[in-house]
Amino acid sequence: MDRLLKRIQRVRPAAFYSRDVFLLHDNAPAHKAASVCQFLTPKNVTTLYHPGTLQIYPSQTIFCSPS
């Protein structure tokens, strides 16, 4: 994670210094561990959780044809 933050600092310094960094990950237990949260919190990284899978049934499918 340190390597990623250093790369963001080098490639996107404006985003890094404005603390406009977001991390999107799946809801794996390793990604939600206390040690990961304790690492990201002082670095002001906003964590976005993946919404999971959506159940789409055939009756809910909308088909669009070009006009």
PDB file of N, CA and C in Angstrom:
ATOM      1  N   MET A   1       0.820  -1.185   0.000  1.00  0.00           N
ATOM      2  CA  MET A   1       0.000   0.000   0.000  1.00  0.00           C
ATOM      3  C   MET A   1       0.867   1.253   0.000  1.00  0.00           C
ATOM      4  N   ASP A   2       1.990   1.179   0.695  1.00  0.00           N
ATOM      5  CA  ASP A   2       2.898   2.328   0.679  1.00  0.00           C
ATOM      6  C   ASP A   2       3.367   2.636  -0.733  1.00  0.00           C
ATOM      7  N   ARG A   3       3.654   1.572  -1.501  1.00  0.00           N
ATOM      8  CA  ARG A   3       4.103   1.778  -2.888  1.00  0.00           C
ATOM      9  C   ARG A   3       3.023   2.466  -3.712  1.00  0.00           C
ATOM     10  N   LEU A   4       1.774   2.066  -3.502  1.00  0.00           N
ATOM     11  CA  LEU A   4       0.667   2.682  -4.234  1.00  0.00           C
ATOM     12  C   LEU A   4       0.530   4.156  -3.892  1.00  0.00           C
ATOM     13  N   LEU A   5       0.593   4.495  -2.617  1.00  0.00           N
ATOM     14  CA  LEU A   5       0.469   5.897  -2.215  1.00  0.00           C
ATOM     15  C   LEU A   5       1.637   6.734  -2.711  1.00  0.00           C
ATOM     16  N   LYS A   6       2.828   6.172  -2.731  1.00  0.00           N
ATOM     17  CA  LYS A   6       3.986   6.899  -3.271  1.00  0.00           C
ATOM     18  C   LYS A   6       3.835   7.129  -4.767  1.00  0.00           C
ATOM     19  N   ARG A   7       3.284   6.137  -5.456  1.00  0.00           N
ATOM     20  CA  ARG A   7       3.066   6.305  -6.902  1.00  0.00           C
ATOM     21  C   ARG A   7       2.003   7.364  -7.171  1.00  0.00           C
ATOM     22  N   ILE A   8       0.932   7.357  -6.403  1.00  0.00           N
ATOM     23  CA  ILE A   8      -0.093   8.397  -6.561  1.00  0.00           C
ATOM     24  C   ILE A   8       0.510   9.765  -6.296  1.00  0.00           C
ATOM     25  N   GLN A   9       1.364   9.853  -5.301  1.00  0.00           N
ATOM     26  CA  GLN A   9       2.022  11.126  -4.984  1.00  0.00           C
ATOM     27  C   GLN A   9       2.884  11.594  -6.148  1.00  0.00           C
ATOM     28  N   ARG A  10       3.532  10.641  -6.831  1.00  0.00           N
ATOM     29  CA  ARG A  10       4.414  11.011  -7.944  1.00  0.00           C
ATOM     30  C   ARG A  10       3.621  11.317  -9.205  1.00  0.00           C
ATOM     31  N   VAL A  11       2.613  10.503  -9.512  1.00  0.00           N
ATOM     32  CA  VAL A  11       1.878  10.633 -10.769  1.00  0.00           C
ATOM     33  C   VAL A  11       0.766  11.675 -10.689  1.00  0.00           C
ATOM     34  N   ARG A  12       0.069  11.734  -9.574  1.00  0.00           N
ATOM     35  CA  ARG A  12      -1.050  12.662  -9.383  1.00  0.00           C
ATOM     36  C   ARG A  12      -0.841  13.483  -8.115  1.00  0.00           C
ATOM     37  N   PRO A  13       0.147  14.384  -8.112  1.00  0.00           N
ATOM     38  CA  PRO A  13       0.431  15.127  -6.874  1.00  0.00           C
ATOM     39  C   PRO A  13      -0.736  16.000  -6.413  1.00  0.00           C
ATOM     40  N   ALA A  14      -1.501  16.555  -7.322  1.00  0.00           N
ATOM     41  CA  ALA A  14      -2.623  17.414  -6.918  1.00  0.00           C
ATOM     42  C   ALA A  14      -3.660  16.611  -6.143  1.00  0.00           C
ATOM     43  N   ALA A  15      -3.974  15.412  -6.613  1.00  0.00           N
ATOM     44  CA  ALA A  15      -4.944  14.568  -5.918  1.00  0.00           C
ATOM     45  C   ALA A  15      -4.383  14.113  -4.577  1.00  0.00           C
ATOM     46  N   PHE A  16      -3.097  13.807  -4.547  1.00  0.00           N
ATOM     47  CA  PHE A  16      -2.493  13.314  -3.311  1.00  0.00           C
ATOM     48  C   PHE A  16      -2.484  14.386  -2.233  1.00  0.00           C
ATOM     49  N   TYR A  17      -2.062  15.583  -2.588  1.00  0.00           N
ATOM     50  CA  TYR A  17      -1.951  16.634  -1.580  1.00  0.00           C
ATOM     51  C   TYR A  17      -3.298  17.241  -1.199  1.00  0.00           C
ATOM     52  N   SER A  18      -4.301  17.110  -2.065  1.00  0.00           N
ATOM     53  CA  SER A  18      -5.636  17.585  -1.695  1.00  0.00           C
ATOM     54  C   SER A  18      -6.401  16.496  -0.943  1.00  0.00           C
ATOM     55  N   ARG A  19      -5.769  15.349  -0.742  1.00  0.00           N
ATOM     56  CA  ARG A  19      -6.367  14.207  -0.044  1.00  0.00           C
ATOM     57  C   ARG A  19      -7.634  13.748  -0.746  1.00  0.00           C
ATOM     58  N   ASP A  20      -7.581  13.784  -2.077  1.00  0.00           N
ATOM     59  CA  ASP A  20      -8.707  13.375  -2.895  1.00  0.00           C
ATOM     60  C   ASP A  20      -8.457  11.969  -3.439  1.00  0.00           C
ATOM     61  N   VAL A  21      -8.043  11.054  -2.557  1.00  0.00           N
ATOM     62  CA  VAL A  21      -7.713   9.688  -2.945  1.00  0.00           C
ATOM     63  C   VAL A  21      -8.782   8.754  -2.405  1.00  0.00           C
ATOM     64  N   PHE A  22      -9.338   7.936  -3.292  1.00  0.00           N
ATOM     65  CA  PHE A  22     -10.362   6.976  -2.922  1.00  0.00           C
ATOM     66  C   PHE A  22      -9.869   5.576  -3.236  1.00  0.00           C
ATOM     67  N   LEU A  23     -10.192   4.628  -2.405  1.00  0.00           N
ATOM     68  CA  LEU A  23      -9.820   3.238  -2.609  1.00  0.00           C
ATOM     69  C   LEU A  23     -11.094   2.409  -2.676  1.00  0.00           C
ATOM     70  N   LEU A  24     -11.315   1.763  -3.823  1.00  0.00           N
ATOM     71  CA  LEU A  24     -12.463   0.896  -4.007  1.00  0.00           C
ATOM     72  C   LEU A  24     -11.978  -0.538  -3.939  1.00  0.00           C
ATOM     73  N   HIS A  25     -12.548  -1.324  -3.052  1.00  0.00           N
ATOM     74  CA  HIS A  25     -12.165  -2.722  -2.954  1.00  0.00           C
ATOM     75  C   HIS A  25     -13.385  -3.577  -2.687  1.00  0.00           C
ATOM     76  N   ASP A  26     -13.198  -4.874  -2.905  1.00  0.00           N
ATOM     77  CA  ASP A  26     -14.298  -5.784  -2.587  1.00  0.00           C
ATOM     78  C   ASP A  26     -14.380  -5.930  -1.075  1.00  0.00           C
ATOM     79  N   ASN A  27     -15.348  -6.613  -0.607  1.00  0.00           N
ATOM     80  CA  ASN A  27     -15.565  -6.708   0.833  1.00  0.00           C
ATOM     81  C   ASN A  27     -14.857  -7.912   1.454  1.00  0.00           C
ATOM     82  N   ALA A  28     -13.678  -8.221   0.968  1.00  0.00           N
ATOM     83  CA  ALA A  28     -12.912  -9.342   1.511  1.00  0.00           C
ATOM     84  C   ALA A  28     -12.517  -9.037   2.955  1.00  0.00           C
ATOM     85  N   PRO A  29     -12.511 -10.042   3.820  1.00  0.00           N
ATOM     86  CA  PRO A  29     -12.148  -9.806   5.218  1.00  0.00           C
ATOM     87  C   PRO A  29     -10.756  -9.180   5.394  1.00  0.00           C
ATOM     88  N   ALA A  30      -9.823  -9.543   4.523  1.00  0.00           N
ATOM     89  CA  ALA A  30      -8.477  -8.966   4.627  1.00  0.00           C
ATOM     90  C   ALA A  30      -8.473  -7.473   4.332  1.00  0.00           C
ATOM     91  N   HIS A  31      -9.389  -7.019   3.497  1.00  0.00           N
ATOM     92  CA  HIS A  31      -9.446  -5.599   3.155  1.00  0.00           C
ATOM     93  C   HIS A  31     -10.151  -4.780   4.226  1.00  0.00           C
ATOM     94  N   LYS A  32     -10.971  -5.433   5.052  1.00  0.00           N
ATOM     95  CA  LYS A  32     -11.687  -4.734   6.120  1.00  0.00           C
ATOM     96  C   LYS A  32     -11.029  -4.929   7.485  1.00  0.00           C
ATOM     97  N   ALA A  33      -9.851  -5.515   7.493  1.00  0.00           N
ATOM     98  CA  ALA A  33      -9.168  -5.801   8.756  1.00  0.00           C
ATOM     99  C   ALA A  33      -8.821  -4.508   9.486  1.00  0.00           C
ATOM    100  N   ALA A  34      -8.731  -4.595  10.790  1.00  0.00           N
ATOM    101  CA  ALA A  34      -8.415  -3.421  11.609  1.00  0.00           C
ATOM    102  C   ALA A  34      -7.060  -2.841  11.250  1.00  0.00           C
ATOM    103  N   SER A  35      -6.083  -3.688  10.935  1.00  0.00           N
ATOM    104  CA  SER A  35      -4.745  -3.184  10.588  1.00  0.00           C
ATOM    105  C   SER A  35      -4.774  -2.365   9.311  1.00  0.00           C
ATOM    106  N   VAL A  36      -5.603  -2.766   8.346  1.00  0.00           N
ATOM    107  CA  VAL A  36      -5.724  -2.006   7.095  1.00  0.00           C
ATOM    108  C   VAL A  36      -6.393  -0.664   7.371  1.00  0.00           C
ATOM    109  N   CYS A  37      -7.441  -0.667   8.158  1.00  0.00           N
ATOM    110  CA  CYS A  37      -8.129   0.580   8.506  1.00  0.00           C
ATOM    111  C   CYS A  37      -7.208   1.520   9.287  1.00  0.00           C
ATOM    112  N   GLN A  38      -6.429   0.964  10.192  1.00  0.00           N
ATOM    113  CA  GLN A  38      -5.491   1.788  10.967  1.00  0.00           C
ATOM    114  C   GLN A  38      -4.394   2.360  10.078  1.00  0.00           C
ATOM    115  N   PHE A  39      -4.031   1.659   9.008  1.00  0.00           N
ATOM    116  CA  PHE A  39      -3.023   2.161   8.085  1.00  0.00           C
ATOM    117  C   PHE A  39      -3.587   3.283   7.218  1.00  0.00           C
ATOM    118  N   LEU A  40      -4.826   3.125   6.750  1.00  0.00           N
ATOM    119  CA  LEU A  40      -5.405   4.093   5.816  1.00  0.00           C
ATOM    120  C   LEU A  40      -5.918   5.356   6.489  1.00  0.00           C
ATOM    121  N   THR A  41      -6.354   5.270   7.722  1.00  0.00           N
ATOM    122  CA  THR A  41      -6.956   6.415   8.402  1.00  0.00           C
ATOM    123  C   THR A  41      -6.014   7.607   8.522  1.00  0.00           C
ATOM    124  N   PRO A  42      -4.783   7.466   9.018  1.00  0.00           N
ATOM    125  CA  PRO A  42      -3.923   8.651   9.124  1.00  0.00           C
ATOM    126  C   PRO A  42      -3.486   9.204   7.767  1.00  0.00           C
ATOM    127  N   LYS A  43      -3.607   8.401   6.718  1.00  0.00           N
ATOM    128  CA  LYS A  43      -3.216   8.856   5.386  1.00  0.00           C
ATOM    129  C   LYS A  43      -4.386   9.506   4.642  1.00  0.00           C
ATOM    130  N   ASN A  44      -5.533   9.625   5.312  1.00  0.00           N
ATOM    131  CA  ASN A  44      -6.733  10.272   4.761  1.00  0.00           C
ATOM    132  C   ASN A  44      -7.188   9.655   3.451  1.00  0.00           C
ATOM    133  N   VAL A  45      -7.140   8.335   3.365  1.00  0.00           N
ATOM    134  CA  VAL A  45      -7.634   7.628   2.189  1.00  0.00           C
ATOM    135  C   VAL A  45      -9.076   7.230   2.466  1.00  0.00           C
ATOM    136  N   THR A  46      -9.973   7.653   1.591  1.00  0.00           N
ATOM    137  CA  THR A  46     -11.377   7.318   1.718  1.00  0.00           C
ATOM    138  C   THR A  46     -11.612   5.938   1.137  1.00  0.00           C
ATOM    139  N   THR A  47     -12.241   5.060   1.882  1.00  0.00           N
ATOM    140  CA  THR A  47     -12.500   3.705   1.433  1.00  0.00           C
ATOM    141  C   THR A  47     -13.938   3.592   0.957  1.00  0.00           C
ATOM    142  N   LEU A  48     -14.098   3.116  -0.263  1.00  0.00           N
ATOM    143  CA  LEU A  48     -15.413   2.871  -0.841  1.00  0.00           C
ATOM    144  C   LEU A  48     -15.606   1.370  -0.905  1.00  0.00           C
ATOM    145  N   TYR A  49     -16.680   0.881  -0.345  1.00  0.00           N
ATOM    146  CA  TYR A  49     -16.934  -0.543  -0.342  1.00  0.00           C
ATOM    147  C   TYR A  49     -17.705  -0.950  -1.582  1.00  0.00           C
ATOM    148  N   HIS A  50     -17.363  -2.078  -2.134  1.00  0.00           N
ATOM    149  CA  HIS A  50     -18.021  -2.604  -3.322  1.00  0.00           C
ATOM    150  C   HIS A  50     -19.451  -2.987  -2.945  1.00  0.00           C
ATOM    151  N   PRO A  51     -20.419  -2.640  -3.761  1.00  0.00           N
ATOM    152  CA  PRO A  51     -21.807  -2.910  -3.395  1.00  0.00           C
ATOM    153  C   PRO A  51     -22.190  -4.383  -3.438  1.00  0.00           C
ATOM    154  N   GLY A  52     -21.365  -5.235  -4.002  1.00  0.00           N
ATOM    155  CA  GLY A  52     -21.713  -6.648  -4.103  1.00  0.00           C
ATOM    156  C   GLY A  52     -22.402  -6.944  -5.420  1.00  0.00           C
ATOM    157  N   THR A  53     -22.926  -8.122  -5.535  1.00  0.00           N
ATOM    158  CA  THR A  53     -23.597  -8.490  -6.782  1.00  0.00           C
ATOM    159  C   THR A  53     -25.067  -8.127  -6.705  1.00  0.00           C
ATOM    160  N   LEU A  54     -25.604  -7.798  -7.836  1.00  0.00           N
ATOM    161  CA  LEU A  54     -27.024  -7.458  -7.934  1.00  0.00           C
ATOM    162  C   LEU A  54     -27.766  -8.632  -8.543  1.00  0.00           C
ATOM    163  N   GLN A  55     -28.897  -8.950  -7.988  1.00  0.00           N
ATOM    164  CA  GLN A  55     -29.729 -10.015  -8.526  1.00  0.00           C
ATOM    165  C   GLN A  55     -30.578  -9.432  -9.647  1.00  0.00           C
ATOM    166  N   ILE A  56     -30.348  -9.890 -10.864  1.00  0.00           N
ATOM    167  CA  ILE A  56     -31.141  -9.429 -12.002  1.00  0.00           C
ATOM    168  C   ILE A  56     -31.892 -10.640 -12.552  1.00  0.00           C
ATOM    169  N   TYR A  57     -33.190 -10.555 -12.539  1.00  0.00           N
ATOM    170  CA  TYR A  57     -34.036 -11.632 -13.016  1.00  0.00           C
ATOM    171  C   TYR A  57     -34.512 -11.298 -14.425  1.00  0.00           C
ATOM    172  N   PRO A  58     -34.826 -12.318 -15.216  1.00  0.00           N
ATOM    173  CA  PRO A  58     -35.283 -12.039 -16.595  1.00  0.00           C
ATOM    174  C   PRO A  58     -36.477 -11.092 -16.650  1.00  0.00           C
ATOM    175  N   SER A  59     -37.350 -11.153 -15.661  1.00  0.00           N
ATOM    176  CA  SER A  59     -38.519 -10.271 -15.683  1.00  0.00           C
ATOM    177  C   SER A  59     -38.138  -8.817 -15.410  1.00  0.00           C
ATOM    178  N   GLN A  60     -36.937  -8.586 -14.883  1.00  0.00           N
ATOM    179  CA  GLN A  60     -36.487  -7.227 -14.594  1.00  0.00           C
ATOM    180  C   GLN A  60     -35.593  -6.672 -15.705  1.00  0.00           C
ATOM    181  N   THR A  61     -35.296  -7.484 -16.697  1.00  0.00           N
ATOM    182  CA  THR A  61     -34.406  -7.057 -17.784  1.00  0.00           C
ATOM    183  C   THR A  61     -35.166  -6.162 -18.747  1.00  0.00           C
ATOM    184  N   ILE A  62     -34.573  -5.064 -19.106  1.00  0.00           N
ATOM    185  CA  ILE A  62     -35.179  -4.124 -20.058  1.00  0.00           C
ATOM    186  C   ILE A  62     -34.343  -4.164 -21.329  1.00  0.00           C
ATOM    187  N   PHE A  63     -34.983  -4.466 -22.425  1.00  0.00           N
ATOM    188  CA  PHE A  63     -34.309  -4.512 -23.703  1.00  0.00           C
ATOM    189  C   PHE A  63     -34.634  -3.252 -24.484  1.00  0.00           C
ATOM    190  N   CYS A  64     -33.614  -2.634 -25.013  1.00  0.00           N
ATOM    191  CA  CYS A  64     -33.811  -1.433 -25.807  1.00  0.00           C
ATOM    192  C   CYS A  64     -33.345  -1.703 -27.234  1.00  0.00           C
ATOM    193  N   SER A  65     -34.152  -1.330 -28.186  1.00  0.00           N
ATOM    194  CA  SER A  65     -33.749  -1.492 -29.573  1.00  0.00           C
ATOM    195  C   SER A  65     -33.497  -0.127 -30.171  1.00  0.00           C
ATOM    196  N   PRO A  66     -32.495  -0.012 -31.054  1.00  0.00           N
ATOM    197  CA  PRO A  66     -32.226   1.295 -31.652  1.00  0.00           C
ATOM    198  C   PRO A  66     -33.383   1.747 -32.535  1.00  0.00           C
ATOM    199  N   SER A  67     -33.686   2.993 -32.484  1.00  0.00           N
ATOM    200  CA  SER A  67     -34.832   3.526 -33.251  1.00  0.00           C
ATOM    201  C   SER A  67     -34.399   3.884 -34.641  1.00  0.00           C
TER     202      SER A  67
END
